[in-house]
Amino acid sequence: MHKLILGMAAAMFLTTGVANADAISDRKAAMKSNGGAIGTLVKMVKGEMDYDPAAALAAFTTIREDMEGFEDLFPEDSMTGDTTASPKIWEDMEGFKAAVAKVEADLDAAIAAAPQDKAAFMPVFQQVAGNCQACHETYRIKK
């Protein structure tokens, strides 16, 4: 009986550890993908590449797809480990979910607008980037 209980406890521990690692690695993968997409947008902002409406739309779409269900990648057991997620996420999960929803709404608006020139792109980009930055400042631990 004791072996059965110990075995079940060990299995639960291992499963929790795997779930923790999966959530952390999944959100890191999403943020890495977002970083690549934002990098493309920033190059257009800085004039390091010509404004390309199709590339901008693709970047906004990539970020939006990465953000789908993003708030679900923060289960309680993923607070610790190799992560820069701030404990503030779990202390204020409703605020975090609202911040994610705001970014998603900004991305939906950016995609719907599909800016065809840089002048139309800039305010759309600034709205998205501003809310991404605000979320990172509040809910991410700086390295």
N, C-alpha and C. Protein backbone atom coordinates (compact mmCIF):
# COMPACT_ATOMS: atom_id res chain seq x y z
N MET A 1 0.82 -1.19 0.00
CA MET A 1 0.00 0.00 0.00
C MET A 1 0.87 1.26 0.00
N HIS A 2 1.91 1.25 0.84
CA HIS A 2 2.79 2.41 0.91
C HIS A 2 3.49 2.64 -0.43
N LYS A 3 3.87 1.56 -1.09
CA LYS A 3 4.53 1.69 -2.39
C LYS A 3 3.58 2.30 -3.42
N LEU A 4 2.32 1.91 -3.36
CA LEU A 4 1.33 2.47 -4.27
C LEU A 4 1.17 3.97 -4.05
N ILE A 5 1.06 4.38 -2.81
CA ILE A 5 0.91 5.80 -2.49
C ILE A 5 2.15 6.58 -2.90
N LEU A 6 3.33 6.04 -2.60
CA LEU A 6 4.57 6.70 -3.01
C LEU A 6 4.67 6.79 -4.52
N GLY A 7 4.27 5.73 -5.21
CA GLY A 7 4.31 5.74 -6.67
C GLY A 7 3.36 6.78 -7.24
N MET A 8 2.18 6.88 -6.68
CA MET A 8 1.21 7.89 -7.14
C MET A 8 1.73 9.30 -6.86
N ALA A 9 2.32 9.49 -5.71
CA ALA A 9 2.86 10.81 -5.36
C ALA A 9 4.00 11.17 -6.31
N ALA A 10 4.86 10.22 -6.61
CA ALA A 10 5.97 10.48 -7.54
C ALA A 10 5.44 10.81 -8.93
N ALA A 11 4.43 10.09 -9.38
CA ALA A 11 3.84 10.36 -10.69
C ALA A 11 3.22 11.75 -10.73
N MET A 12 2.53 12.14 -9.67
CA MET A 12 1.94 13.47 -9.61
C MET A 12 3.02 14.54 -9.64
N PHE A 13 4.10 14.31 -8.91
CA PHE A 13 5.20 15.27 -8.88
C PHE A 13 5.82 15.41 -10.26
N LEU A 14 6.08 14.30 -10.92
CA LEU A 14 6.68 14.33 -12.24
C LEU A 14 5.76 14.98 -13.25
N THR A 15 4.47 14.68 -13.18
CA THR A 15 3.51 15.28 -14.10
C THR A 15 3.44 16.78 -13.88
N THR A 16 3.44 17.22 -12.65
CA THR A 16 3.42 18.66 -12.36
C THR A 16 4.66 19.33 -12.90
N GLY A 17 5.81 18.70 -12.71
CA GLY A 17 7.05 19.26 -13.24
C GLY A 17 7.02 19.37 -14.75
N VAL A 18 6.47 18.37 -15.41
CA VAL A 18 6.37 18.40 -16.87
C VAL A 18 5.39 19.49 -17.30
N ALA A 19 4.25 19.59 -16.62
CA ALA A 19 3.27 20.63 -16.96
C ALA A 19 3.90 22.01 -16.80
N ASN A 20 4.65 22.19 -15.71
CA ASN A 20 5.34 23.45 -15.47
C ASN A 20 6.28 23.75 -16.62
N ALA A 21 7.11 22.79 -16.98
CA ALA A 21 8.09 22.99 -18.04
C ALA A 21 7.39 23.24 -19.38
N ASP A 22 6.30 22.53 -19.65
CA ASP A 22 5.58 22.71 -20.91
C ASP A 22 4.99 24.12 -21.00
N ALA A 23 4.36 24.58 -19.94
CA ALA A 23 3.76 25.92 -19.95
C ALA A 23 4.84 26.98 -20.15
N ILE A 24 5.93 26.84 -19.45
CA ILE A 24 7.02 27.81 -19.57
C ILE A 24 7.61 27.76 -20.97
N SER A 25 7.89 26.58 -21.48
CA SER A 25 8.47 26.49 -22.82
C SER A 25 7.48 26.95 -23.89
N ASP A 26 6.20 26.70 -23.71
CA ASP A 26 5.19 27.16 -24.68
C ASP A 26 5.11 28.68 -24.70
N ARG A 27 5.13 29.29 -23.53
CA ARG A 27 5.04 30.77 -23.54
C ARG A 27 6.34 31.39 -24.03
N LYS A 28 7.48 30.75 -23.76
CA LYS A 28 8.75 31.24 -24.32
C LYS A 28 8.73 31.15 -25.84
N ALA A 29 8.21 30.06 -26.37
CA ALA A 29 8.13 29.89 -27.82
C ALA A 29 7.23 30.96 -28.44
N ALA A 30 6.12 31.25 -27.78
CA ALA A 30 5.21 32.29 -28.28
C ALA A 30 5.90 33.65 -28.27
N MET A 31 6.61 33.95 -27.19
CA MET A 31 7.29 35.24 -27.11
C MET A 31 8.44 35.34 -28.10
N LYS A 32 9.12 34.24 -28.36
CA LYS A 32 10.20 34.25 -29.35
C LYS A 32 9.63 34.51 -30.74
N SER A 33 8.53 33.87 -31.05
CA SER A 33 7.86 34.11 -32.32
C SER A 33 7.40 35.56 -32.44
N ASN A 34 6.83 36.07 -31.35
CA ASN A 34 6.40 37.47 -31.33
C ASN A 34 7.59 38.41 -31.54
N GLY A 35 8.70 38.07 -30.93
CA GLY A 35 9.90 38.89 -31.07
C GLY A 35 10.35 38.99 -32.52
N GLY A 36 10.29 37.88 -33.24
CA GLY A 36 10.65 37.90 -34.65
C GLY A 36 9.70 38.77 -35.46
N ALA A 37 8.40 38.65 -35.17
CA ALA A 37 7.40 39.45 -35.88
C ALA A 37 7.55 40.93 -35.54
N ILE A 38 7.75 41.24 -34.27
CA ILE A 38 7.95 42.63 -33.86
C ILE A 38 9.21 43.18 -34.51
N GLY A 39 10.24 42.35 -34.61
CA GLY A 39 11.49 42.78 -35.25
C GLY A 39 11.26 43.26 -36.67
N THR A 40 10.42 42.56 -37.40
CA THR A 40 10.08 42.98 -38.77
C THR A 40 9.38 44.34 -38.74
N LEU A 41 8.43 44.49 -37.83
CA LEU A 41 7.68 45.76 -37.73
C LEU A 41 8.61 46.91 -37.34
N VAL A 42 9.51 46.65 -36.42
CA VAL A 42 10.44 47.69 -35.95
C VAL A 42 11.37 48.13 -37.09
N LYS A 43 11.80 47.18 -37.91
CA LYS A 43 12.64 47.55 -39.06
C LYS A 43 11.90 48.50 -39.98
N MET A 44 10.60 48.30 -40.15
CA MET A 44 9.81 49.21 -40.97
C MET A 44 9.69 50.57 -40.30
N VAL A 45 9.49 50.57 -39.00
CA VAL A 45 9.37 51.82 -38.24
C VAL A 45 10.66 52.63 -38.36
N LYS A 46 11.79 51.96 -38.21
CA LYS A 46 13.09 52.64 -38.24
C LYS A 46 13.58 52.95 -39.65
N GLY A 47 12.88 52.46 -40.66
CA GLY A 47 13.32 52.68 -42.03
C GLY A 47 14.44 51.76 -42.45
N GLU A 48 14.69 50.70 -41.68
CA GLU A 48 15.71 49.73 -42.03
C GLU A 48 15.23 48.82 -43.16
N MET A 49 13.94 48.82 -43.37
CA MET A 49 13.34 48.15 -44.53
C MET A 49 12.15 48.97 -44.97
N ASP A 50 11.84 48.91 -46.24
CA ASP A 50 10.70 49.65 -46.76
C ASP A 50 9.41 49.11 -46.14
N TYR A 51 8.45 50.00 -46.00
CA TYR A 51 7.15 49.55 -45.49
C TYR A 51 6.55 48.59 -46.51
N ASP A 52 6.14 47.44 -46.01
CA ASP A 52 5.55 46.39 -46.84
C ASP A 52 4.23 45.99 -46.18
N PRO A 53 3.10 46.39 -46.78
CA PRO A 53 1.80 46.08 -46.16
C PRO A 53 1.58 44.59 -45.90
N ALA A 54 2.02 43.75 -46.84
CA ALA A 54 1.82 42.30 -46.66
C ALA A 54 2.68 41.78 -45.51
N ALA A 55 3.90 42.26 -45.40
CA ALA A 55 4.78 41.83 -44.31
C ALA A 55 4.26 42.33 -42.96
N ALA A 56 3.74 43.55 -42.93
CA ALA A 56 3.18 44.09 -41.70
C ALA A 56 1.97 43.27 -41.27
N LEU A 57 1.09 42.98 -42.21
CA LEU A 57 -0.10 42.19 -41.90
C LEU A 57 0.29 40.80 -41.43
N ALA A 58 1.29 40.20 -42.06
CA ALA A 58 1.75 38.87 -41.65
C ALA A 58 2.33 38.92 -40.23
N ALA A 59 3.07 39.97 -39.91
CA ALA A 59 3.65 40.09 -38.57
C ALA A 59 2.55 40.27 -37.52
N PHE A 60 1.60 41.16 -37.78
CA PHE A 60 0.49 41.35 -36.84
C PHE A 60 -0.29 40.04 -36.66
N THR A 61 -0.49 39.31 -37.75
CA THR A 61 -1.23 38.05 -37.70
C THR A 61 -0.47 37.01 -36.89
N THR A 62 0.84 36.93 -37.07
CA THR A 62 1.65 36.00 -36.30
C THR A 62 1.53 36.28 -34.80
N ILE A 63 1.65 37.54 -34.45
CA ILE A 63 1.56 37.91 -33.03
C ILE A 63 0.17 37.57 -32.49
N ARG A 64 -0.86 37.87 -33.27
CA ARG A 64 -2.23 37.60 -32.83
C ARG A 64 -2.44 36.10 -32.62
N GLU A 65 -1.94 35.30 -33.55
CA GLU A 65 -2.07 33.85 -33.41
C GLU A 65 -1.31 33.35 -32.18
N ASP A 66 -0.14 33.92 -31.93
CA ASP A 66 0.63 33.53 -30.74
C ASP A 66 -0.08 33.92 -29.45
N MET A 67 -0.86 34.97 -29.49
CA MET A 67 -1.53 35.45 -28.29
C MET A 67 -2.82 34.68 -27.99
N GLU A 68 -3.31 33.91 -28.95
CA GLU A 68 -4.53 33.14 -28.74
C GLU A 68 -4.33 32.15 -27.60
N GLY A 69 -5.07 32.31 -26.53
CA GLY A 69 -4.96 31.42 -25.38
C GLY A 69 -3.71 31.63 -24.55
N PHE A 70 -3.00 32.72 -24.80
CA PHE A 70 -1.74 32.97 -24.10
C PHE A 70 -1.91 32.99 -22.58
N GLU A 71 -2.99 33.59 -22.11
CA GLU A 71 -3.20 33.69 -20.66
C GLU A 71 -3.35 32.32 -20.02
N ASP A 72 -3.67 31.30 -20.81
CA ASP A 72 -3.81 29.95 -20.28
C ASP A 72 -2.46 29.27 -20.06
N LEU A 73 -1.38 29.89 -20.51
CA LEU A 73 -0.04 29.32 -20.36
C LEU A 73 0.60 29.69 -19.03
N PHE A 74 -0.22 30.13 -18.07
CA PHE A 74 0.28 30.55 -16.76
C PHE A 74 -0.43 29.81 -15.63
N PRO A 75 -0.40 28.47 -15.65
CA PRO A 75 -1.01 27.75 -14.53
C PRO A 75 -0.21 28.01 -13.26
N GLU A 76 -0.85 27.79 -12.15
CA GLU A 76 -0.21 28.05 -10.84
C GLU A 76 1.15 27.36 -10.70
N ASP A 77 1.27 26.16 -11.28
CA ASP A 77 2.52 25.42 -11.09
C ASP A 77 3.65 25.89 -12.01
N SER A 78 3.42 26.98 -12.75
CA SER A 78 4.48 27.49 -13.63
C SER A 78 5.03 28.83 -13.14
N MET A 79 4.83 29.11 -11.87
CA MET A 79 5.33 30.36 -11.29
C MET A 79 6.85 30.34 -11.13
N THR A 80 7.39 29.16 -10.95
CA THR A 80 8.82 29.04 -10.72
C THR A 80 9.45 28.22 -11.83
N GLY A 81 10.74 28.31 -11.92
CA GLY A 81 11.47 27.62 -12.97
C GLY A 81 12.21 28.64 -13.81
N ASP A 82 12.58 28.25 -14.99
CA ASP A 82 13.33 29.12 -15.90
C ASP A 82 12.36 30.06 -16.60
N THR A 83 11.93 31.08 -15.89
CA THR A 83 10.91 32.00 -16.40
C THR A 83 11.17 33.42 -15.92
N THR A 84 10.76 34.37 -16.73
CA THR A 84 10.81 35.78 -16.33
C THR A 84 9.41 36.30 -16.06
N ALA A 85 8.45 35.40 -15.96
CA ALA A 85 7.09 35.81 -15.63
C ALA A 85 7.07 36.30 -14.18
N SER A 86 6.52 37.47 -13.98
CA SER A 86 6.45 38.06 -12.65
C SER A 86 5.36 37.40 -11.81
N PRO A 87 5.59 37.27 -10.51
CA PRO A 87 4.54 36.78 -9.63
C PRO A 87 3.27 37.64 -9.69
N LYS A 88 3.42 38.87 -10.19
CA LYS A 88 2.25 39.75 -10.31
C LYS A 88 1.17 39.13 -11.19
N ILE A 89 1.57 38.26 -12.12
CA ILE A 89 0.58 37.60 -12.99
C ILE A 89 -0.40 36.82 -12.13
N TRP A 90 0.12 36.03 -11.21
CA TRP A 90 -0.74 35.18 -10.39
C TRP A 90 -1.41 35.96 -9.28
N GLU A 91 -0.79 37.06 -8.86
CA GLU A 91 -1.40 37.92 -7.83
C GLU A 91 -2.57 38.70 -8.42
N ASP A 92 -2.50 39.01 -9.71
CA ASP A 92 -3.53 39.80 -10.38
C ASP A 92 -3.89 39.16 -11.72
N MET A 93 -4.35 37.92 -11.66
CA MET A 93 -4.65 37.19 -12.89
C MET A 93 -5.71 37.92 -13.73
N GLU A 94 -6.68 38.53 -13.09
CA GLU A 94 -7.71 39.25 -13.86
C GLU A 94 -7.10 40.45 -14.59
N GLY A 95 -6.20 41.17 -13.93
CA GLY A 95 -5.52 42.28 -14.58
C GLY A 95 -4.65 41.81 -15.72
N PHE A 96 -3.97 40.68 -15.52
CA PHE A 96 -3.13 40.10 -16.58
C PHE A 96 -3.99 39.70 -17.77
N LYS A 97 -5.10 39.03 -17.51
CA LYS A 97 -5.99 38.62 -18.60
C LYS A 97 -6.54 39.84 -19.33
N ALA A 98 -6.82 40.90 -18.61
CA ALA A 98 -7.30 42.13 -19.25
C ALA A 98 -6.21 42.74 -20.13
N ALA A 99 -4.96 42.70 -19.67
CA ALA A 99 -3.86 43.22 -20.47
C ALA A 99 -3.67 42.40 -21.75
N VAL A 100 -3.77 41.10 -21.64
CA VAL A 100 -3.67 40.23 -22.82
C VAL A 100 -4.82 40.52 -23.77
N ALA A 101 -6.02 40.67 -23.22
CA ALA A 101 -7.19 40.96 -24.06
C ALA A 101 -7.03 42.29 -24.79
N LYS A 102 -6.42 43.27 -24.12
CA LYS A 102 -6.19 44.57 -24.75
C LYS A 102 -5.23 44.43 -25.92
N VAL A 103 -4.15 43.69 -25.74
CA VAL A 103 -3.20 43.47 -26.83
C VAL A 103 -3.90 42.73 -27.98
N GLU A 104 -4.70 41.73 -27.64
CA GLU A 104 -5.42 40.99 -28.69
C GLU A 104 -6.37 41.91 -29.45
N ALA A 105 -7.06 42.79 -28.74
CA ALA A 105 -7.97 43.74 -29.41
C ALA A 105 -7.20 44.69 -30.31
N ASP A 106 -6.05 45.16 -29.84
CA ASP A 106 -5.20 46.04 -30.66
C ASP A 106 -4.74 45.33 -31.92
N LEU A 107 -4.37 44.06 -31.77
CA LEU A 107 -3.93 43.27 -32.93
C LEU A 107 -5.08 43.03 -33.90
N ASP A 108 -6.26 42.75 -33.36
CA ASP A 108 -7.43 42.58 -34.23
C ASP A 108 -7.68 43.86 -35.02
N ALA A 109 -7.56 45.00 -34.36
CA ALA A 109 -7.76 46.29 -35.04
C ALA A 109 -6.68 46.53 -36.09
N ALA A 110 -5.44 46.16 -35.77
CA ALA A 110 -4.33 46.33 -36.71
C ALA A 110 -4.55 45.47 -37.95
N ILE A 111 -4.99 44.25 -37.73
CA ILE A 111 -5.24 43.33 -38.84
C ILE A 111 -6.41 43.84 -39.69
N ALA A 112 -7.47 44.30 -39.04
CA ALA A 112 -8.63 44.82 -39.76
C ALA A 112 -8.27 46.07 -40.56
N ALA A 113 -7.42 46.90 -39.99
CA ALA A 113 -7.01 48.14 -40.67
C ALA A 113 -6.14 47.85 -41.88
N ALA A 114 -5.32 46.81 -41.78
CA ALA A 114 -4.40 46.43 -42.87
C ALA A 114 -3.78 47.67 -43.52
N PRO A 115 -3.02 48.46 -42.73
CA PRO A 115 -2.49 49.73 -43.25
C PRO A 115 -1.69 49.54 -44.54
N GLN A 116 -2.02 50.35 -45.53
CA GLN A 116 -1.39 50.22 -46.85
C GLN A 116 -0.18 51.12 -47.03
N ASP A 117 0.02 52.06 -46.09
CA ASP A 117 1.22 52.90 -46.18
C ASP A 117 1.75 53.14 -44.78
N LYS A 118 2.96 53.65 -44.73
CA LYS A 118 3.63 53.82 -43.44
C LYS A 118 2.91 54.82 -42.56
N ALA A 119 2.34 55.85 -43.15
CA ALA A 119 1.62 56.85 -42.36
C ALA A 119 0.43 56.21 -41.63
N ALA A 120 -0.27 55.31 -42.27
CA ALA A 120 -1.40 54.63 -41.64
C ALA A 120 -0.92 53.55 -40.67
N PHE A 121 0.24 52.99 -40.95
CA PHE A 121 0.81 51.93 -40.12
C PHE A 121 1.28 52.43 -38.77
N MET A 122 1.90 53.59 -38.74
CA MET A 122 2.56 54.06 -37.52
C MET A 122 1.65 54.12 -36.29
N PRO A 123 0.47 54.74 -36.36
CA PRO A 123 -0.36 54.77 -35.15
C PRO A 123 -0.86 53.38 -34.74
N VAL A 124 -1.10 52.52 -35.71
CA VAL A 124 -1.54 51.15 -35.41
C VAL A 124 -0.41 50.41 -34.69
N PHE A 125 0.79 50.53 -35.22
CA PHE A 125 1.95 49.89 -34.59
C PHE A 125 2.17 50.44 -33.18
N GLN A 126 2.10 51.75 -33.03
CA GLN A 126 2.35 52.36 -31.72
C GLN A 126 1.34 51.87 -30.69
N GLN A 127 0.10 51.67 -31.09
CA GLN A 127 -0.92 51.17 -30.16
C GLN A 127 -0.58 49.76 -29.71
N VAL A 128 -0.26 48.90 -30.66
CA VAL A 128 0.09 47.51 -30.32
C VAL A 128 1.35 47.47 -29.47
N ALA A 129 2.40 48.14 -29.93
CA ALA A 129 3.69 48.11 -29.22
C ALA A 129 3.57 48.72 -27.83
N GLY A 130 2.79 49.76 -27.69
CA GLY A 130 2.62 50.39 -26.38
C GLY A 130 1.97 49.47 -25.36
N ASN A 131 0.97 48.72 -25.81
CA ASN A 131 0.31 47.80 -24.88
C ASN A 131 1.13 46.55 -24.63
N CYS A 132 1.91 46.11 -25.62
CA CYS A 132 2.85 45.00 -25.37
C CYS A 132 3.86 45.43 -24.30
N GLN A 133 4.40 46.62 -24.47
CA GLN A 133 5.40 47.12 -23.54
C GLN A 133 4.82 47.29 -22.14
N ALA A 134 3.61 47.82 -22.05
CA ALA A 134 2.98 48.02 -20.74
C ALA A 134 2.80 46.68 -20.03
N CYS A 135 2.41 45.66 -20.77
CA CYS A 135 2.23 44.34 -20.17
C CYS A 135 3.58 43.80 -19.69
N HIS A 136 4.61 43.95 -20.50
CA HIS A 136 5.94 43.48 -20.11
C HIS A 136 6.45 44.23 -18.88
N GLU A 137 6.21 45.52 -18.81
CA GLU A 137 6.67 46.30 -17.66
C GLU A 137 5.99 45.87 -16.38
N THR A 138 4.74 45.47 -16.47
CA THR A 138 3.97 45.09 -15.29
C THR A 138 4.15 43.63 -14.92
N TYR A 139 4.17 42.76 -15.92
CA TYR A 139 4.07 41.33 -15.67
C TYR A 139 5.29 40.51 -16.05
N ARG A 140 6.41 41.17 -16.25
CA ARG A 140 7.63 40.45 -16.61
C ARG A 140 8.79 40.94 -15.74
N ILE A 141 9.61 40.01 -15.31
CA ILE A 141 10.79 40.36 -14.53
C ILE A 141 11.90 40.67 -15.52
N LYS A 142 12.50 41.83 -15.36
CA LYS A 142 13.61 42.21 -16.25
C LYS A 142 14.84 41.43 -15.88
N LYS A 143 15.55 40.98 -16.91
CA LYS A 143 16.77 40.22 -16.68
C LYS A 143 17.90 41.15 -16.31
